[in-house]
Amino acid sequence: MPRAVYVLALGIFAMVTSEFAVAGLMPQMADGLHATVPQIGYLITAFASAMALGGPVMTVAVMKLPPRTALLVLFAVFLAGNVLAATATGYGVMLAARVVTGVASQAFFGVGISLCARLTRPEIRGRAVAVAMNGLMLGTLLGLPLSTLIGERLGWRAAFWAVSVLALVAAGATMAGVPRLENAPSGGLRAEAGVFARPRLWLVLATSTLIIGATFAAFSYFNPILTGLTGFSAGTVPLLLIAYGAATVVGNMVVGRLADRHAVPVLVVGLLLNLLFLAGFALLADVPAAAVVCLLGIGLVGVTMNPAMATRVQRAGNAGPLVNTVHTSFITLGVIIGSSLGAVAIDAGSLRGPLWFGAALAALGLLTLLPEMRRPGRAAGRRGRTVARGGTGREARERARRG
């Protein structure tokens, strides 16, 4: 595996840690910014909305730059937003900071995953994406508790300064570990955007939204579910969330190994298992042992579908940065949908509701896979042709010309 893929994982880890920091520091930030806890909660929504809407725009802005230069520009924007957050004197400034960091993070995901595709052979691209996406899994496992710990001991501003230092380290590693590459010959914005005329690509993107939505409908409310229904103490929940994070790391590694050759079967099995775990959790939430098993199961087969999702999207579209960024926007849309549906259920007084909503979204995700499940031969042929191209037709012709 190229060293640059591990460097990209470090950059993703820095940005995910910044994304999650607000969730662990809501009371402290509310006091420091003279805001309410619900207002601080809106900062999470603002970050996600900026990712979904602004990320593709930022990607277009850096698309003509060589990949390493584009990554460094995005680090600079992200760092500026993070420093603004650390020095924010009021809620409005913090809101602006979260929008800036959200836009930069989303574009970084798209450019980084596209670079993984350029640096690796087609048959191991899913594994490369899994390595890079370990930055996301480790952000869940380590980034959130570490930023929360720093914020509680040294103040919430210190957590954002720590992420800024981490971003500087990741940017330095990018300069040293990511090779200089010319911008891929993709035919420009028109060619990059042209693939969105394919109906199948939109169906593939919808699958990713539903997979992530199913998981985040539950994940967003694990704390009240585990304390209010299962009966765990507040002090036990962080340990359970660490175990959940460890399960995502394991699941991500397994899916990465299988994604290149078996993307659709992996997604089918993953959605089926997630549906069972979510429904099982809803039915058995008051049984501690069963609840823990279901919690870990959701960790194994939820967000860990990312490598298979990315592989499928690249085959339906291409491996360019715009397609990958739009894909991550659809993933972020899943986060917004899942957490919003969960909030509706909680507001209605049902702690089991988010789990049932998650199960319903998983079932809808399975329905979007039916066309490929019914036409395996045709889908396999199309996958083979796309993998052989390894990106856009123009890029394949360019590689053939070079030898």
Foldseek 3Di string as FASTA:
>chain_A
DAPLLLLLLLLLLLLLLVLLLLVLCQVQVCVQQVHDSVLSVVLNVLLLVLLLPQQLVLLLVCQQPWLLVSLLVLLVQLLVLLLQCLPPRHSVSVSVSSSSSSNSSLLSQLSSLLVLLVVDALLQSLLSNLSSCVSVLVCQQPSHVVLSVCCVVPNNSVSSVVSSVSSVVSNVCSVVRPDGDHRFPQPGPCSQVVLVVDPLLVLLLLLLLLLLLLLLLCVVQVQCLLCVAQNDDNVCVVVLSNLLSVLLSVLLNVCSVVQSPPLLVLLLVLLVQLLVLLVQCLVPSNHNVSVSVSSSSCSNRGPSSVSSSLLVSCLSGNSHSSSSSNSVSSNSSSNVNLNVQSVVCVVVVHNSRSSVVSSVSSVVSNVSSVVCVVVVPVVVVSSVVSSCCSGDVVSSVVVVVVD
